[in-house]
Amino acid sequence: MAAVTTIERATDAFARLHDRRRQLLDWIQVEETSREGAHEWKAEVLKGRLQEVEYALGMLES
């Protein structure tokens, strides 16, 4: 029973990471296409967060 709960939690966490990755990709696209200069640093910050999420996904997938 505990193994099932652990697997369910891991599956949920994996799905949340994938959702977060999609959200970050959308935000990066918005920030990169903005005409205001202040958005450039936001895109860079979001790219850093995206790298963290992709690293975590890579660790879970291997």
C-alpha atoms as a PDB file:
ATOM      1  CA  MET A   1       0.000   0.000   0.000  1.00  0.00           C
ATOM      2  CA  ALA A   2       2.813   2.429   0.855  1.00  0.00           C
ATOM      3  CA  ALA A   3       4.575   1.618  -2.421  1.00  0.00           C
ATOM      4  CA  VAL A   4       1.450   2.555  -4.376  1.00  0.00           C
ATOM      5  CA  THR A   5       1.201   5.886  -2.545  1.00  0.00           C
ATOM      6  CA  THR A   6       4.865   6.613  -3.234  1.00  0.00           C
ATOM      7  CA  ILE A   7       4.457   5.774  -6.920  1.00  0.00           C
ATOM      8  CA  GLU A   8       1.340   7.956  -7.147  1.00  0.00           C
ATOM      9  CA  ARG A   9       3.147  10.886  -5.528  1.00  0.00           C
ATOM     10  CA  ALA A  10       6.137  10.461  -7.831  1.00  0.00           C
ATOM     11  CA  THR A  11       3.841  10.317 -10.866  1.00  0.00           C
ATOM     12  CA  ASP A  12       2.042  13.469  -9.723  1.00  0.00           C
ATOM     13  CA  ALA A  13       5.347  15.275  -9.133  1.00  0.00           C
ATOM     14  CA  PHE A  14       6.577  14.229 -12.578  1.00  0.00           C
ATOM     15  CA  ALA A  15       3.376  15.555 -14.186  1.00  0.00           C
ATOM     16  CA  ARG A  16       3.690  18.840 -12.277  1.00  0.00           C
ATOM     17  CA  LEU A  17       7.274  19.252 -13.506  1.00  0.00           C
ATOM     18  CA  HIS A  18       6.137  18.737 -17.098  1.00  0.00           C
ATOM     19  CA  ASP A  19       3.341  21.288 -16.585  1.00  0.00           C
ATOM     20  CA  ARG A  20       5.817  23.756 -15.103  1.00  0.00           C
ATOM     21  CA  ARG A  21       8.149  23.230 -18.066  1.00  0.00           C
ATOM     22  CA  ARG A  22       5.351  24.043 -20.531  1.00  0.00           C
ATOM     23  CA  GLN A  23       4.384  27.106 -18.501  1.00  0.00           C
ATOM     24  CA  LEU A  24       7.974  28.373 -18.439  1.00  0.00           C
ATOM     25  CA  LEU A  25       8.340  27.860 -22.187  1.00  0.00           C
ATOM     26  CA  ASP A  26       5.183  29.922 -22.758  1.00  0.00           C
ATOM     27  CA  TRP A  27       6.395  32.687 -20.449  1.00  0.00           C
ATOM     28  CA  ILE A  28       9.815  32.776 -22.118  1.00  0.00           C
ATOM     29  CA  GLN A  29       8.197  33.191 -25.518  1.00  0.00           C
ATOM     30  CA  VAL A  30       6.091  36.096 -24.220  1.00  0.00           C
ATOM     31  CA  GLU A  31       9.069  37.805 -22.608  1.00  0.00           C
ATOM     32  CA  GLU A  32      11.337  37.339 -25.628  1.00  0.00           C
ATOM     33  CA  THR A  33       8.776  38.845 -27.990  1.00  0.00           C
ATOM     34  CA  SER A  34       8.078  41.843 -25.766  1.00  0.00           C
ATOM     35  CA  ARG A  35       9.308  45.182 -27.043  1.00  0.00           C
ATOM     36  CA  GLU A  36      10.293  46.497 -23.625  1.00  0.00           C
ATOM     37  CA  GLY A  37      13.910  46.099 -22.530  1.00  0.00           C
ATOM     38  CA  ALA A  38      12.957  45.112 -18.995  1.00  0.00           C
ATOM     39  CA  HIS A  39      11.586  41.855 -20.332  1.00  0.00           C
ATOM     40  CA  GLU A  40      15.020  40.651 -21.454  1.00  0.00           C
ATOM     41  CA  TRP A  41      16.184  39.934 -17.901  1.00  0.00           C
ATOM     42  CA  LYS A  42      12.864  38.228 -17.131  1.00  0.00           C
ATOM     43  CA  ALA A  43      13.398  35.870 -20.055  1.00  0.00           C
ATOM     44  CA  GLU A  44      16.874  35.041 -18.746  1.00  0.00           C
ATOM     45  CA  VAL A  45      15.526  34.326 -15.260  1.00  0.00           C
ATOM     46  CA  LEU A  46      12.811  32.097 -16.714  1.00  0.00           C
ATOM     47  CA  LYS A  47      15.403  30.236 -18.794  1.00  0.00           C
ATOM     48  CA  GLY A  48      17.341  29.525 -15.605  1.00  0.00           C
ATOM     49  CA  ARG A  49      14.237  28.108 -13.953  1.00  0.00           C
ATOM     50  CA  LEU A  50      13.551  26.060 -17.091  1.00  0.00           C
ATOM     51  CA  GLN A  51      17.046  24.566 -16.899  1.00  0.00           C
ATOM     52  CA  GLU A  52      16.387  23.541 -13.292  1.00  0.00           C
ATOM     53  CA  VAL A  53      13.100  21.860 -14.233  1.00  0.00           C
ATOM     54  CA  GLU A  54      14.662  20.103 -17.228  1.00  0.00           C
ATOM     55  CA  TYR A  55      17.534  18.886 -15.035  1.00  0.00           C
ATOM     56  CA  ALA A  56      15.067  17.454 -12.510  1.00  0.00           C
ATOM     57  CA  LEU A  57      13.084  15.777 -15.286  1.00  0.00           C
ATOM     58  CA  GLY A  58      16.275  14.297 -16.709  1.00  0.00           C
ATOM     59  CA  MET A  59      17.217  12.887 -13.315  1.00  0.00           C
ATOM     60  CA  LEU A  60      13.774  11.337 -12.891  1.00  0.00           C
ATOM     61  CA  GLU A  61      13.736   9.871 -16.391  1.00  0.00           C
ATOM     62  CA  SER A  62      17.134   8.185 -16.051  1.00  0.00           C
END
